[in-house]
Amino acid sequence: MLNPQLRFSPSNVAALKKSLRDRYPQIRSSHLDEAIAASFGFKSYAALRPALLQVGNHARLIVISDHMLLLLRLEELRYQDIEAETLRRHMWDIKFPDRWYDQHLEKAVTKRRLPTAANSR
């Protein structure tokens, strides 16, 4: 099962949290912070926060957000009424503000994919 990949940036993590808060208003904010951290493989939000601040908005680090890790952490925090498939679909539908590539990187990647001209020697 594929999980959504996103650019690891404060604005994308904030967008993930906002979307999950809108979908699941019964989840406390701090519990959602812990679950989001778990979805990225961190043991706590306290461990995620310094890494997130260090990379900032200019990093090109792509991470995978695992909905099952998020769900397991929520279950540990006593949220039992969330269906895994609904959560997975919701996470795929989130529109993140920071795309994988900025314009400079996108141009470089596009240029590398262009075929070499036959007479370019």
C-alpha atoms as a PDB file:
ATOM      1  CA  MET A   1       0.000   0.000   0.000  1.00  0.00           C
ATOM      2  CA  LEU A   2       1.448   3.341  -1.035  1.00  0.00           C
ATOM      3  CA  ASN A   3       1.638   6.258   1.352  1.00  0.00           C
ATOM      4  CA  PRO A   4       1.635   9.940   0.421  1.00  0.00           C
ATOM      5  CA  GLN A   5       5.014  11.593  -0.010  1.00  0.00           C
ATOM      6  CA  LEU A   6       5.483  15.238   0.777  1.00  0.00           C
ATOM      7  CA  ARG A   7       8.160  17.842   1.095  1.00  0.00           C
ATOM      8  CA  PHE A   8       9.255  18.033   4.752  1.00  0.00           C
ATOM      9  CA  SER A   9       8.557  21.663   5.584  1.00  0.00           C
ATOM     10  CA  PRO A  10       6.767  23.524   8.386  1.00  0.00           C
ATOM     11  CA  SER A  11       4.025  24.722   6.032  1.00  0.00           C
ATOM     12  CA  ASN A  12       3.300  21.202   4.750  1.00  0.00           C
ATOM     13  CA  VAL A  13       3.178  19.773   8.272  1.00  0.00           C
ATOM     14  CA  ALA A  14       0.850  22.621   9.272  1.00  0.00           C
ATOM     15  CA  ALA A  15      -1.363  21.885   6.244  1.00  0.00           C
ATOM     16  CA  LEU A  16      -1.465  18.206   7.208  1.00  0.00           C
ATOM     17  CA  LYS A  17      -2.490  19.089  10.756  1.00  0.00           C
ATOM     18  CA  LYS A  18      -5.135  21.586   9.620  1.00  0.00           C
ATOM     19  CA  SER A  19      -6.662  19.100   7.224  1.00  0.00           C
ATOM     20  CA  LEU A  20      -6.755  16.374   9.866  1.00  0.00           C
ATOM     21  CA  ARG A  21      -8.243  18.811  12.424  1.00  0.00           C
ATOM     22  CA  ASP A  22     -10.982  19.733   9.957  1.00  0.00           C
ATOM     23  CA  ARG A  23     -11.746  16.055   9.260  1.00  0.00           C
ATOM     24  CA  TYR A  24     -11.424  14.851  12.875  1.00  0.00           C
ATOM     25  CA  PRO A  25     -12.381  17.757  15.185  1.00  0.00           C
ATOM     26  CA  GLN A  26     -12.635  15.445  18.206  1.00  0.00           C
ATOM     27  CA  ILE A  27      -8.843  14.935  18.268  1.00  0.00           C
ATOM     28  CA  ARG A  28      -6.978  17.296  20.582  1.00  0.00           C
ATOM     29  CA  SER A  29      -4.334  19.465  18.952  1.00  0.00           C
ATOM     30  CA  SER A  30      -1.431  18.081  20.991  1.00  0.00           C
ATOM     31  CA  HIS A  31      -2.541  14.508  20.280  1.00  0.00           C
ATOM     32  CA  LEU A  32      -2.596  15.273  16.583  1.00  0.00           C
ATOM     33  CA  ASP A  33       0.936  16.694  16.840  1.00  0.00           C
ATOM     34  CA  GLU A  34       2.111  13.425  18.389  1.00  0.00           C
ATOM     35  CA  ALA A  35       0.328  11.320  15.773  1.00  0.00           C
ATOM     36  CA  ILE A  36       1.748  13.350  12.882  1.00  0.00           C
ATOM     37  CA  ALA A  37       5.237  12.959  14.320  1.00  0.00           C
ATOM     38  CA  ALA A  38       4.658   9.204  14.541  1.00  0.00           C
ATOM     39  CA  SER A  39       3.505   9.127  10.906  1.00  0.00           C
ATOM     40  CA  PHE A  40       6.960  10.393   9.886  1.00  0.00           C
ATOM     41  CA  GLY A  41       8.733   7.851  12.098  1.00  0.00           C
ATOM     42  CA  PHE A  42       9.513  10.111  15.060  1.00  0.00           C
ATOM     43  CA  LYS A  43       8.868   8.887  18.594  1.00  0.00           C
ATOM     44  CA  SER A  44       7.349  12.213  19.678  1.00  0.00           C
ATOM     45  CA  TYR A  45       6.517  15.707  18.517  1.00  0.00           C
ATOM     46  CA  ALA A  46       9.381  16.950  20.689  1.00  0.00           C
ATOM     47  CA  ALA A  47      11.730  14.917  18.481  1.00  0.00           C
ATOM     48  CA  LEU A  48      10.117  16.117  15.247  1.00  0.00           C
ATOM     49  CA  ARG A  49      10.117  19.836  16.061  1.00  0.00           C
ATOM     50  CA  PRO A  50      13.903  20.495  16.007  1.00  0.00           C
ATOM     51  CA  ALA A  51      14.285  18.559  12.753  1.00  0.00           C
ATOM     52  CA  LEU A  52      11.438  20.505  11.187  1.00  0.00           C
ATOM     53  CA  LEU A  53      12.876  23.850  12.296  1.00  0.00           C
ATOM     54  CA  GLN A  54      16.326  22.896  11.071  1.00  0.00           C
ATOM     55  CA  VAL A  55      15.199  22.078   7.535  1.00  0.00           C
ATOM     56  CA  GLY A  56      12.895  25.093   7.303  1.00  0.00           C
ATOM     57  CA  ASN A  57      10.928  25.957   4.180  1.00  0.00           C
ATOM     58  CA  HIS A  58      13.886  25.703   1.823  1.00  0.00           C
ATOM     59  CA  ALA A  59      14.709  22.024   2.252  1.00  0.00           C
ATOM     60  CA  ARG A  60      14.202  19.536  -0.511  1.00  0.00           C
ATOM     61  CA  LEU A  61      13.696  16.614   1.824  1.00  0.00           C
ATOM     62  CA  ILE A  62      10.837  14.345   0.772  1.00  0.00           C
ATOM     63  CA  VAL A  63       9.256  12.183   3.479  1.00  0.00           C
ATOM     64  CA  ILE A  64       6.574   9.524   3.529  1.00  0.00           C
ATOM     65  CA  SER A  65       3.613   9.982   5.835  1.00  0.00           C
ATOM     66  CA  ASP A  66       2.424   6.569   6.978  1.00  0.00           C
ATOM     67  CA  HIS A  67      -1.267   6.646   7.881  1.00  0.00           C
ATOM     68  CA  MET A  68      -1.001   3.390   9.833  1.00  0.00           C
ATOM     69  CA  LEU A  69       1.672   4.812  12.155  1.00  0.00           C
ATOM     70  CA  LEU A  70      -0.540   7.862  12.621  1.00  0.00           C
ATOM     71  CA  LEU A  71      -3.527   5.652  13.378  1.00  0.00           C
ATOM     72  CA  LEU A  72      -1.588   3.487  15.846  1.00  0.00           C
ATOM     73  CA  ARG A  73      -0.462   6.557  17.781  1.00  0.00           C
ATOM     74  CA  LEU A  74      -4.019   7.878  17.869  1.00  0.00           C
ATOM     75  CA  GLU A  75      -5.229   4.525  19.172  1.00  0.00           C
ATOM     76  CA  GLU A  76      -2.586   4.708  21.907  1.00  0.00           C
ATOM     77  CA  LEU A  77      -4.084   8.092  22.807  1.00  0.00           C
ATOM     78  CA  ARG A  78      -7.564   6.502  23.070  1.00  0.00           C
ATOM     79  CA  TYR A  79      -9.060   7.467  19.698  1.00  0.00           C
ATOM     80  CA  GLN A  80     -10.641   4.192  18.626  1.00  0.00           C
ATOM     81  CA  ASP A  81     -13.280   5.347  16.139  1.00  0.00           C
ATOM     82  CA  ILE A  82     -11.078   6.191  13.133  1.00  0.00           C
ATOM     83  CA  GLU A  83     -11.137   3.860  10.133  1.00  0.00           C
ATOM     84  CA  ALA A  84      -7.784   3.166   8.485  1.00  0.00           C
ATOM     85  CA  GLU A  85      -9.064   3.303   4.904  1.00  0.00           C
ATOM     86  CA  THR A  86     -10.890   6.598   5.434  1.00  0.00           C
ATOM     87  CA  LEU A  87      -7.770   8.105   6.976  1.00  0.00           C
ATOM     88  CA  ARG A  88      -5.593   6.823   4.122  1.00  0.00           C
ATOM     89  CA  ARG A  89      -7.892   8.322   1.479  1.00  0.00           C
ATOM     90  CA  HIS A  90      -8.073  11.604   3.328  1.00  0.00           C
ATOM     91  CA  MET A  91      -4.287  11.890   3.523  1.00  0.00           C
ATOM     92  CA  TRP A  92      -4.004  11.330  -0.228  1.00  0.00           C
ATOM     93  CA  ASP A  93      -6.492  14.138  -0.892  1.00  0.00           C
ATOM     94  CA  ILE A  94      -4.619  16.813   1.079  1.00  0.00           C
ATOM     95  CA  LYS A  95      -3.296  19.682  -1.041  1.00  0.00           C
ATOM     96  CA  PHE A  96       0.118  20.659   0.315  1.00  0.00           C
ATOM     97  CA  PRO A  97       1.373  24.228  -0.224  1.00  0.00           C
ATOM     98  CA  ASP A  98       5.033  23.293  -0.806  1.00  0.00           C
ATOM     99  CA  ARG A  99       5.461  21.215  -3.913  1.00  0.00           C
ATOM    100  CA  TRP A 100       8.289  18.710  -4.253  1.00  0.00           C
ATOM    101  CA  TYR A 101      10.248  20.974  -6.594  1.00  0.00           C
ATOM    102  CA  ASP A 102      10.685  24.693  -6.672  1.00  0.00           C
ATOM    103  CA  GLN A 103      11.004  26.394 -10.061  1.00  0.00           C
ATOM    104  CA  HIS A 104      14.820  26.291 -10.104  1.00  0.00           C
ATOM    105  CA  LEU A 105      15.020  22.583  -9.311  1.00  0.00           C
ATOM    106  CA  GLU A 106      12.185  21.764 -11.694  1.00  0.00           C
ATOM    107  CA  LYS A 107      14.060  23.450 -14.561  1.00  0.00           C
ATOM    108  CA  ALA A 108      17.241  21.517 -13.713  1.00  0.00           C
ATOM    109  CA  VAL A 109      15.392  18.183 -13.637  1.00  0.00           C
ATOM    110  CA  THR A 110      13.616  18.954 -16.915  1.00  0.00           C
ATOM    111  CA  LYS A 111      16.894  19.911 -18.575  1.00  0.00           C
ATOM    112  CA  ARG A 112      18.539  16.638 -17.494  1.00  0.00           C
ATOM    113  CA  ARG A 113      15.684  14.625 -19.011  1.00  0.00           C
ATOM    114  CA  LEU A 114      16.015  16.219 -22.451  1.00  0.00           C
ATOM    115  CA  PRO A 115      17.645  13.881 -24.964  1.00  0.00           C
ATOM    116  CA  THR A 116      21.091  14.747 -26.229  1.00  0.00           C
ATOM    117  CA  ALA A 117      21.069  15.994 -29.802  1.00  0.00           C
ATOM    118  CA  ALA A 118      22.622  13.629 -32.338  1.00  0.00           C
ATOM    119  CA  ASN A 119      24.965  16.299 -33.645  1.00  0.00           C
ATOM    120  CA  SER A 120      26.018  17.724 -30.263  1.00  0.00           C
ATOM    121  CA  ARG A 121      29.618  16.494 -30.262  1.00  0.00           C
END
